[in-house]
């Protein structure tokens, strides 16, 4: 579901007319989409900062989940992909 941008983010729920507010409640500023929730939110960045190989990518703006995963894959760190999946799932 995440790969197809089908997670029930507020952006997607607004598109389906389930809700009318797409603001991410943890930071009250940005639209809640997959990339914001999993990577761009300042609350989430605190978590990623603790994973040293992710630090160099924290300022990178990714356009979609596929783009984000490509960035993680290119880090060439052992087990980073699995760690990313675990942290992203836990964050969600």
PDB file of N, CA and C in Angstrom:
ATOM      1  N   UNK A   1       0.819  -1.195   0.000  1.00  0.00           N
ATOM      2  CA  UNK A   1       0.000   0.000   0.000  1.00  0.00           C
ATOM      3  C   UNK A   1       0.867   1.266   0.000  1.00  0.00           C
ATOM      4  N   UNK A   2       1.942   1.253   0.776  1.00  0.00           N
ATOM      5  CA  UNK A   2       2.794   2.440   0.847  1.00  0.00           C
ATOM      6  C   UNK A   2       3.454   2.726  -0.490  1.00  0.00           C
ATOM      7  N   UNK A   3       3.883   1.677  -1.163  1.00  0.00           N
ATOM      8  CA  UNK A   3       4.579   1.839  -2.437  1.00  0.00           C
ATOM      9  C   UNK A   3       3.682   2.514  -3.476  1.00  0.00           C
ATOM     10  N   UNK A   4       2.389   2.237  -3.428  1.00  0.00           N
ATOM     11  CA  UNK A   4       1.437   2.828  -4.373  1.00  0.00           C
ATOM     12  C   UNK A   4       0.823   4.116  -3.834  1.00  0.00           C
ATOM     13  N   UNK A   5       1.412   4.654  -2.756  1.00  0.00           N
ATOM     14  CA  UNK A   5       0.888   5.867  -2.122  1.00  0.00           C
ATOM     15  C   UNK A   5      -0.575   5.681  -1.711  1.00  0.00           C
ATOM     16  N   UNK A   6      -0.909   4.497  -1.209  1.00  0.00           N
ATOM     17  CA  UNK A   6      -2.284   4.181  -0.839  1.00  0.00           C
ATOM     18  C   UNK A   6      -2.509   4.110   0.662  1.00  0.00           C
ATOM     19  N   UNK A   7      -1.518   4.518   1.459  1.00  0.00           N
ATOM     20  CA  UNK A   7      -1.713   4.527   2.908  1.00  0.00           C
ATOM     21  C   UNK A   7      -2.797   5.540   3.264  1.00  0.00           C
ATOM     22  N   UNK A   8      -3.510   5.301   4.349  1.00  0.00           N
ATOM     23  CA  UNK A   8      -4.591   6.224   4.719  1.00  0.00           C
ATOM     24  C   UNK A   8      -4.065   7.515   5.357  1.00  0.00           C
ATOM     25  N   UNK A   9      -3.259   8.243   4.598  1.00  0.00           N
ATOM     26  CA  UNK A   9      -2.792   9.545   5.071  1.00  0.00           C
ATOM     27  C   UNK A   9      -3.952  10.522   4.960  1.00  0.00           C
ATOM     28  N   UNK A  10      -3.843  11.633   5.647  1.00  0.00           N
ATOM     29  CA  UNK A  10      -4.916  12.622   5.567  1.00  0.00           C
ATOM     30  C   UNK A  10      -5.060  13.183   4.156  1.00  0.00           C
ATOM     31  N   UNK A  11      -3.941  13.278   3.439  1.00  0.00           N
ATOM     32  CA  UNK A  11      -4.011  13.734   2.048  1.00  0.00           C
ATOM     33  C   UNK A  11      -4.877  12.782   1.227  1.00  0.00           C
ATOM     34  N   UNK A  12      -4.635  11.482   1.369  1.00  0.00           N
ATOM     35  CA  UNK A  12      -5.436  10.500   0.644  1.00  0.00           C
ATOM     36  C   UNK A  12      -6.880  10.462   1.121  1.00  0.00           C
ATOM     37  N   UNK A  13      -7.088  10.614   2.416  1.00  0.00           N
ATOM     38  CA  UNK A  13      -8.451  10.626   2.951  1.00  0.00           C
ATOM     39  C   UNK A  13      -9.226  11.858   2.480  1.00  0.00           C
ATOM     40  N   UNK A  14      -8.557  12.984   2.348  1.00  0.00           N
ATOM     41  CA  UNK A  14      -9.201  14.181   1.790  1.00  0.00           C
ATOM     42  C   UNK A  14      -9.581  13.952   0.331  1.00  0.00           C
ATOM     43  N   UNK A  15      -8.680  13.330  -0.394  1.00  0.00           N
ATOM     44  CA  UNK A  15      -8.950  13.031  -1.808  1.00  0.00           C
ATOM     45  C   UNK A  15     -10.185  12.139  -1.939  1.00  0.00           C
ATOM     46  N   UNK A  16     -10.374  11.230  -0.982  1.00  0.00           N
ATOM     47  CA  UNK A  16     -11.529  10.319  -0.997  1.00  0.00           C
ATOM     48  C   UNK A  16     -12.740  10.907  -0.276  1.00  0.00           C
ATOM     49  N   UNK A  17     -12.609  12.150   0.180  1.00  0.00           N
ATOM     50  CA  UNK A  17     -13.659  12.886   0.877  1.00  0.00           C
ATOM     51  C   UNK A  17     -14.106  12.218   2.176  1.00  0.00           C
ATOM     52  N   UNK A  18     -13.140  11.582   2.861  1.00  0.00           N
ATOM     53  CA  UNK A  18     -13.401  10.989   4.173  1.00  0.00           C
ATOM     54  C   UNK A  18     -13.220  12.051   5.255  1.00  0.00           C
ATOM     55  N   UNK A  19     -12.280  12.974   5.032  1.00  0.00           N
ATOM     56  CA  UNK A  19     -12.027  14.080   5.946  1.00  0.00           C
ATOM     57  C   UNK A  19     -11.769  15.328   5.121  1.00  0.00           C
ATOM     58  N   UNK A  20     -11.776  16.471   5.779  1.00  0.00           N
ATOM     59  CA  UNK A  20     -11.554  17.729   5.074  1.00  0.00           C
ATOM     60  C   UNK A  20     -10.309  18.453   5.551  1.00  0.00           C
ATOM     61  N   UNK A  21      -9.575  17.840   6.464  1.00  0.00           N
ATOM     62  CA  UNK A  21      -8.365  18.445   7.008  1.00  0.00           C
ATOM     63  C   UNK A  21      -7.181  17.539   6.708  1.00  0.00           C
ATOM     64  N   UNK A  22      -6.218  18.017   5.930  1.00  0.00           N
ATOM     65  CA  UNK A  22      -5.075  17.185   5.554  1.00  0.00           C
ATOM     66  C   UNK A  22      -3.812  17.519   6.345  1.00  0.00           C
ATOM     67  N   UNK A  23      -3.933  18.349   7.381  1.00  0.00           N
ATOM     68  CA  UNK A  23      -2.770  18.762   8.170  1.00  0.00           C
ATOM     69  C   UNK A  23      -2.312  17.638   9.095  1.00  0.00           C
ATOM     70  N   UNK A  24      -1.005  17.415   9.117  1.00  0.00           N
ATOM     71  CA  UNK A  24      -0.412  16.408   9.992  1.00  0.00           C
ATOM     72  C   UNK A  24      -0.450  16.933  11.423  1.00  0.00           C
ATOM     73  N   UNK A  25      -1.096  16.226  12.313  1.00  0.00           N
ATOM     74  CA  UNK A  25      -1.347  16.722  13.669  1.00  0.00           C
ATOM     75  C   UNK A  25      -0.106  16.785  14.548  1.00  0.00           C
ATOM     76  N   UNK A  26       0.919  15.999  14.268  1.00  0.00           N
ATOM     77  CA  UNK A  26       2.112  16.021  15.111  1.00  0.00           C
ATOM     78  C   UNK A  26       2.895  17.318  14.971  1.00  0.00           C
ATOM     79  N   UNK A  27       2.844  17.935  13.805  1.00  0.00           N
ATOM     80  CA  UNK A  27       3.622  19.159  13.613  1.00  0.00           C
ATOM     81  C   UNK A  27       2.744  20.354  13.254  1.00  0.00           C
ATOM     82  N   UNK A  28       1.462  20.123  12.988  1.00  0.00           N
ATOM     83  CA  UNK A  28       0.505  21.192  12.673  1.00  0.00           C
ATOM     84  C   UNK A  28       0.983  22.159  11.608  1.00  0.00           C
ATOM     85  N   UNK A  29       1.638  21.672  10.592  1.00  0.00           N
ATOM     86  CA  UNK A  29       2.089  22.589   9.573  1.00  0.00           C
ATOM     87  C   UNK A  29       1.959  22.073   8.168  1.00  0.00           C
ATOM     88  N   UNK A  30       2.367  20.869   7.953  1.00  0.00           N
ATOM     89  CA  UNK A  30       2.428  20.317   6.607  1.00  0.00           C
ATOM     90  C   UNK A  30       1.253  19.386   6.339  1.00  0.00           C
ATOM     91  N   UNK A  31       1.047  19.155   5.072  1.00  0.00           N
ATOM     92  CA  UNK A  31       0.041  18.192   4.662  1.00  0.00           C
ATOM     93  C   UNK A  31       0.534  16.786   4.992  1.00  0.00           C
ATOM     94  N   UNK A  32      -0.356  15.965   5.510  1.00  0.00           N
ATOM     95  CA  UNK A  32       0.008  14.602   5.890  1.00  0.00           C
ATOM     96  C   UNK A  32      -0.024  13.700   4.664  1.00  0.00           C
ATOM     97  N   UNK A  33       1.158  13.508   4.063  1.00  0.00           N
ATOM     98  CA  UNK A  33       1.309  12.516   3.007  1.00  0.00           C
ATOM     99  C   UNK A  33       2.391  11.535   3.444  1.00  0.00           C
ATOM    100  N   UNK A  34       2.613  10.506   2.661  1.00  0.00           N
ATOM    101  CA  UNK A  34       3.533   9.441   3.054  1.00  0.00           C
ATOM    102  C   UNK A  34       4.941   9.957   3.320  1.00  0.00           C
ATOM    103  N   UNK A  35       5.459  10.788   2.430  1.00  0.00           N
ATOM    104  CA  UNK A  35       6.823  11.299   2.585  1.00  0.00           C
ATOM    105  C   UNK A  35       6.937  12.188   3.816  1.00  0.00           C
ATOM    106  N   UNK A  36       5.944  13.029   4.049  1.00  0.00           N
ATOM    107  CA  UNK A  36       6.021  13.899   5.225  1.00  0.00           C
ATOM    108  C   UNK A  36       6.006  13.072   6.508  1.00  0.00           C
ATOM    109  N   UNK A  37       5.094  12.132   6.592  1.00  0.00           N
ATOM    110  CA  UNK A  37       4.973  11.325   7.814  1.00  0.00           C
ATOM    111  C   UNK A  37       6.228  10.497   8.064  1.00  0.00           C
ATOM    112  N   UNK A  38       6.748   9.872   7.020  1.00  0.00           N
ATOM    113  CA  UNK A  38       7.859   8.947   7.203  1.00  0.00           C
ATOM    114  C   UNK A  38       9.241   9.581   7.159  1.00  0.00           C
ATOM    115  N   UNK A  39       9.380  10.818   6.601  1.00  0.00           N
ATOM    116  CA  UNK A  39      10.721  11.356   6.420  1.00  0.00           C
ATOM    117  C   UNK A  39      10.862  12.833   6.703  1.00  0.00           C
ATOM    118  N   UNK A  40       9.959  13.678   6.230  1.00  0.00           N
ATOM    119  CA  UNK A  40      10.188  15.116   6.242  1.00  0.00           C
ATOM    120  C   UNK A  40       9.772  15.847   7.518  1.00  0.00           C
ATOM    121  N   UNK A  41       8.870  15.293   8.271  1.00  0.00           N
ATOM    122  CA  UNK A  41       8.389  15.960   9.481  1.00  0.00           C
ATOM    123  C   UNK A  41       9.544  16.124  10.480  1.00  0.00           C
ATOM    124  N   UNK A  42       9.615  17.271  11.106  1.00  0.00           N
ATOM    125  CA  UNK A  42      10.677  17.519  12.083  1.00  0.00           C
ATOM    126  C   UNK A  42      10.619  16.526  13.238  1.00  0.00           C
ATOM    127  N   UNK A  43       9.433  16.073  13.590  1.00  0.00           N
ATOM    128  CA  UNK A  43       9.294  15.065  14.650  1.00  0.00           C
ATOM    129  C   UNK A  43       9.929  13.750  14.199  1.00  0.00           C
ATOM    130  N   UNK A  44       9.717  13.377  12.956  1.00  0.00           N
ATOM    131  CA  UNK A  44      10.281  12.149  12.406  1.00  0.00           C
ATOM    132  C   UNK A  44      11.790  12.260  12.213  1.00  0.00           C
ATOM    133  N   UNK A  45      12.273  13.431  11.816  1.00  0.00           N
ATOM    134  CA  UNK A  45      13.704  13.622  11.581  1.00  0.00           C
ATOM    135  C   UNK A  45      14.527  13.361  12.842  1.00  0.00           C
ATOM    136  N   UNK A  46      13.957  13.622  13.995  1.00  0.00           N
ATOM    137  CA  UNK A  46      14.649  13.337  15.260  1.00  0.00           C
ATOM    138  C   UNK A  46      14.956  11.838  15.357  1.00  0.00           C
ATOM    139  N   UNK A  47      14.017  11.024  14.926  1.00  0.00           N
ATOM    140  CA  UNK A  47      14.214   9.576  14.963  1.00  0.00           C
ATOM    141  C   UNK A  47      15.296   9.169  13.966  1.00  0.00           C
ATOM    142  N   UNK A  48      15.208   9.680  12.725  1.00  0.00           N
ATOM    143  CA  UNK A  48      16.189   9.315  11.698  1.00  0.00           C
ATOM    144  C   UNK A  48      17.581   9.814  12.040  1.00  0.00           C
ATOM    145  N   UNK A  49      17.691  10.918  12.764  1.00  0.00           N
ATOM    146  CA  UNK A  49      19.003  11.445  13.146  1.00  0.00           C
ATOM    147  C   UNK A  49      19.774  10.434  13.984  1.00  0.00           C
ATOM    148  N   UNK A  50      19.072   9.618  14.738  1.00  0.00           N
ATOM    149  CA  UNK A  50      19.719   8.615  15.590  1.00  0.00           C
ATOM    150  C   UNK A  50      20.348   7.481  14.796  1.00  0.00           C
ATOM    151  N   UNK A  51      20.002   7.354  13.522  1.00  0.00           N
ATOM    152  CA  UNK A  51      20.562   6.312  12.663  1.00  0.00           C
ATOM    153  C   UNK A  51      21.616   6.980  11.784  1.00  0.00           C
ATOM    154  N   UNK A  52      22.868   6.823  12.154  1.00  0.00           N
ATOM    155  CA  UNK A  52      23.976   7.567  11.550  1.00  0.00           C
ATOM    156  C   UNK A  52      23.990   7.555  10.022  1.00  0.00           C
ATOM    157  N   UNK A  53      23.787   6.416   9.344  1.00  0.00           N
ATOM    158  CA  UNK A  53      23.820   6.437   7.875  1.00  0.00           C
ATOM    159  C   UNK A  53      22.707   7.287   7.247  1.00  0.00           C
ATOM    160  N   UNK A  54      21.647   7.567   7.983  1.00  0.00           N
ATOM    161  CA  UNK A  54      20.545   8.372   7.445  1.00  0.00           C
ATOM    162  C   UNK A  54      20.821   9.873   7.557  1.00  0.00           C
ATOM    163  N   UNK A  55      21.722  10.269   8.419  1.00  0.00           N
ATOM    164  CA  UNK A  55      21.966  11.685   8.678  1.00  0.00           C
ATOM    165  C   UNK A  55      22.303  12.481   7.429  1.00  0.00           C
ATOM    166  N   UNK A  56      23.116  11.907   6.555  1.00  0.00           N
ATOM    167  CA  UNK A  56      23.534  12.650   5.364  1.00  0.00           C
ATOM    168  C   UNK A  56      22.384  12.880   4.388  1.00  0.00           C
ATOM    169  N   UNK A  57      21.304  12.128   4.509  1.00  0.00           N
ATOM    170  CA  UNK A  57      20.148  12.285   3.620  1.00  0.00           C
ATOM    171  C   UNK A  57      19.010  13.094   4.219  1.00  0.00           C
ATOM    172  N   UNK A  58      19.149  13.542   5.454  1.00  0.00           N
ATOM    173  CA  UNK A  58      18.030  14.223   6.108  1.00  0.00           C
ATOM    174  C   UNK A  58      17.607  15.520   5.426  1.00  0.00           C
ATOM    175  N   UNK A  59      18.518  16.169   4.734  1.00  0.00           N
ATOM    176  CA  UNK A  59      18.143  17.404   4.044  1.00  0.00           C
ATOM    177  C   UNK A  59      17.643  17.148   2.621  1.00  0.00           C
ATOM    178  N   UNK A  60      17.676  15.903   2.179  1.00  0.00           N
ATOM    179  CA  UNK A  60      17.219  15.556   0.835  1.00  0.00           C
ATOM    180  C   UNK A  60      15.701  15.557   0.783  1.00  0.00           C
ATOM    181  N   UNK A  61      15.161  16.199  -0.249  1.00  0.00           N
ATOM    182  CA  UNK A  61      13.707  16.205  -0.457  1.00  0.00           C
ATOM    183  C   UNK A  61      13.359  15.091  -1.434  1.00  0.00           C
ATOM    184  N   UNK A  62      12.635  14.113  -0.969  1.00  0.00           N
ATOM    185  CA  UNK A  62      12.205  13.005  -1.812  1.00  0.00           C
ATOM    186  C   UNK A  62      10.788  13.286  -2.296  1.00  0.00           C
ATOM    187  N   UNK A  63      10.459  12.815  -3.501  1.00  0.00           N
ATOM    188  CA  UNK A  63       9.160  13.121  -4.090  1.00  0.00           C
ATOM    189  C   UNK A  63       8.095  12.073  -3.800  1.00  0.00           C
ATOM    190  N   UNK A  64       8.532  10.846  -3.561  1.00  0.00           N
ATOM    191  CA  UNK A  64       7.593   9.764  -3.291  1.00  0.00           C
ATOM    192  C   UNK A  64       8.333   8.671  -2.524  1.00  0.00           C
ATOM    193  N   UNK A  65       7.610   7.660  -2.101  1.00  0.00           N
ATOM    194  CA  UNK A  65       8.235   6.591  -1.320  1.00  0.00           C
ATOM    195  C   UNK A  65       9.283   5.848  -2.140  1.00  0.00           C
ATOM    196  N   UNK A  66       9.032   5.636  -3.416  1.00  0.00           N
ATOM    197  CA  UNK A  66      10.017   4.957  -4.266  1.00  0.00           C
ATOM    198  C   UNK A  66      11.317   5.749  -4.308  1.00  0.00           C
ATOM    199  N   UNK A  67      11.217   7.057  -4.401  1.00  0.00           N
ATOM    200  CA  UNK A  67      12.383   7.935  -4.410  1.00  0.00           C
ATOM    201  C   UNK A  67      13.141   7.845  -3.077  1.00  0.00           C
ATOM    202  N   UNK A  68      12.410   7.856  -1.979  1.00  0.00           N
ATOM    203  CA  UNK A  68      13.011   7.737  -0.648  1.00  0.00           C
ATOM    204  C   UNK A  68      13.736   6.398  -0.505  1.00  0.00           C
ATOM    205  N   UNK A  69      13.088   5.325  -0.909  1.00  0.00           N
ATOM    206  CA  UNK A  69      13.719   4.005  -0.799  1.00  0.00           C
ATOM    207  C   UNK A  69      14.965   3.901  -1.670  1.00  0.00           C
ATOM    208  N   UNK A  70      14.936   4.508  -2.837  1.00  0.00           N
ATOM    209  CA  UNK A  70      16.120   4.528  -3.693  1.00  0.00           C
ATOM    210  C   UNK A  70      17.271   5.233  -2.978  1.00  0.00           C
ATOM    211  N   UNK A  71      16.977   6.335  -2.315  1.00  0.00           N
ATOM    212  CA  UNK A  71      18.000   7.043  -1.541  1.00  0.00           C
ATOM    213  C   UNK A  71      18.569   6.187  -0.426  1.00  0.00           C
ATOM    214  N   UNK A  72      17.719   5.441   0.258  1.00  0.00           N
ATOM    215  CA  UNK A  72      18.169   4.548   1.332  1.00  0.00           C
ATOM    216  C   UNK A  72      19.023   3.421   0.741  1.00  0.00           C
ATOM    217  N   UNK A  73      18.589   2.834  -0.369  1.00  0.00           N
ATOM    218  CA  UNK A  73      19.355   1.752  -1.015  1.00  0.00           C
ATOM    219  C   UNK A  73      20.745   2.220  -1.419  1.00  0.00           C
ATOM    220  N   UNK A  74      20.857   3.456  -1.873  1.00  0.00           N
ATOM    221  CA  UNK A  74      22.139   3.966  -2.355  1.00  0.00           C
ATOM    222  C   UNK A  74      23.130   4.281  -1.234  1.00  0.00           C
ATOM    223  N   UNK A  75      22.697   4.209  -0.005  1.00  0.00           N
ATOM    224  CA  UNK A  75      23.616   4.418   1.120  1.00  0.00           C
ATOM    225  C   UNK A  75      24.609   3.262   1.243  1.00  0.00           C
ATOM    226  N   UNK A  76      24.261   2.114   0.702  1.00  0.00           N
ATOM    227  CA  UNK A  76      25.137   0.933   0.728  1.00  0.00           C
ATOM    228  C   UNK A  76      25.611   0.573   2.123  1.00  0.00           C
ATOM    229  N   UNK A  77      24.740   0.694   3.083  1.00  0.00           N
ATOM    230  CA  UNK A  77      25.049   0.306   4.463  1.00  0.00           C
ATOM    231  C   UNK A  77      24.411  -1.047   4.749  1.00  0.00           C
ATOM    232  N   UNK A  78      25.141  -1.966   5.362  1.00  0.00           N
ATOM    233  CA  UNK A  78      24.569  -3.276   5.687  1.00  0.00           C
ATOM    234  C   UNK A  78      23.342  -3.128   6.588  1.00  0.00           C
ATOM    235  N   UNK A  79      22.293  -3.808   6.237  1.00  0.00           N
ATOM    236  CA  UNK A  79      21.046  -3.879   7.016  1.00  0.00           C
ATOM    237  C   UNK A  79      20.288  -2.558   7.115  1.00  0.00           C
ATOM    238  N   UNK A  80      20.715  -1.510   6.404  1.00  0.00           N
ATOM    239  CA  UNK A  80      20.006  -0.226   6.494  1.00  0.00           C
ATOM    240  C   UNK A  80      18.601  -0.321   5.916  1.00  0.00           C
ATOM    241  N   UNK A  81      18.428  -1.080   4.861  1.00  0.00           N
ATOM    242  CA  UNK A  81      17.099  -1.225   4.262  1.00  0.00           C
ATOM    243  C   UNK A  81      16.133  -1.855   5.255  1.00  0.00           C
ATOM    244  N   UNK A  82      16.579  -2.901   5.928  1.00  0.00           N
ATOM    245  CA  UNK A  82      15.731  -3.557   6.916  1.00  0.00           C
ATOM    246  C   UNK A  82      15.454  -2.634   8.099  1.00  0.00           C
ATOM    247  N   UNK A  83      16.484  -1.921   8.533  1.00  0.00           N
ATOM    248  CA  UNK A  83      16.308  -0.979   9.642  1.00  0.00           C
ATOM    249  C   UNK A  83      15.345   0.135   9.251  1.00  0.00           C
ATOM    250  N   UNK A  84      15.490   0.646   8.029  1.00  0.00           N
ATOM    251  CA  UNK A  84      14.572   1.680   7.549  1.00  0.00           C
ATOM    252  C   UNK A  84      13.131   1.169   7.571  1.00  0.00           C
ATOM    253  N   UNK A  85      12.916  -0.050   7.062  1.00  0.00           N
ATOM    254  CA  UNK A  85      11.566  -0.618   7.033  1.00  0.00           C
ATOM    255  C   UNK A  85      10.992  -0.747   8.437  1.00  0.00           C
ATOM    256  N   UNK A  86      11.808  -1.205   9.367  1.00  0.00           N
ATOM    257  CA  UNK A  86      11.348  -1.367  10.745  1.00  0.00           C
ATOM    258  C   UNK A  86      10.989  -0.019  11.377  1.00  0.00           C
ATOM    259  N   UNK A  87      11.868   0.966  11.223  1.00  0.00           N
ATOM    260  CA  UNK A  87      11.617   2.292  11.829  1.00  0.00           C
ATOM    261  C   UNK A  87      10.420   2.960  11.163  1.00  0.00           C
ATOM    262  N   UNK A  88      10.319   2.869   9.839  1.00  0.00           N
ATOM    263  CA  UNK A  88       9.187   3.470   9.137  1.00  0.00           C
ATOM    264  C   UNK A  88       7.872   2.830   9.596  1.00  0.00           C
ATOM    265  N   UNK A  89       7.861   1.507   9.711  1.00  0.00           N
ATOM    266  CA  UNK A  89       6.660   0.808  10.184  1.00  0.00           C
ATOM    267  C   UNK A  89       6.326   1.226  11.622  1.00  0.00           C
ATOM    268  N   UNK A  90       7.337   1.300  12.464  1.00  0.00           N
ATOM    269  CA  UNK A  90       7.124   1.698  13.864  1.00  0.00           C
ATOM    270  C   UNK A  90       6.629   3.136  13.967  1.00  0.00           C
ATOM    271  N   UNK A  91       7.144   3.998  13.114  1.00  0.00           N
ATOM    272  CA  UNK A  91       6.742   5.410  13.123  1.00  0.00           C
ATOM    273  C   UNK A  91       5.294   5.561  12.675  1.00  0.00           C
ATOM    274  N   UNK A  92       4.926   4.795  11.670  1.00  0.00           N
ATOM    275  CA  UNK A  92       3.579   4.892  11.137  1.00  0.00           C
ATOM    276  C   UNK A  92       2.590   4.502  12.207  1.00  0.00           C
TER     277      UNK A  92
END
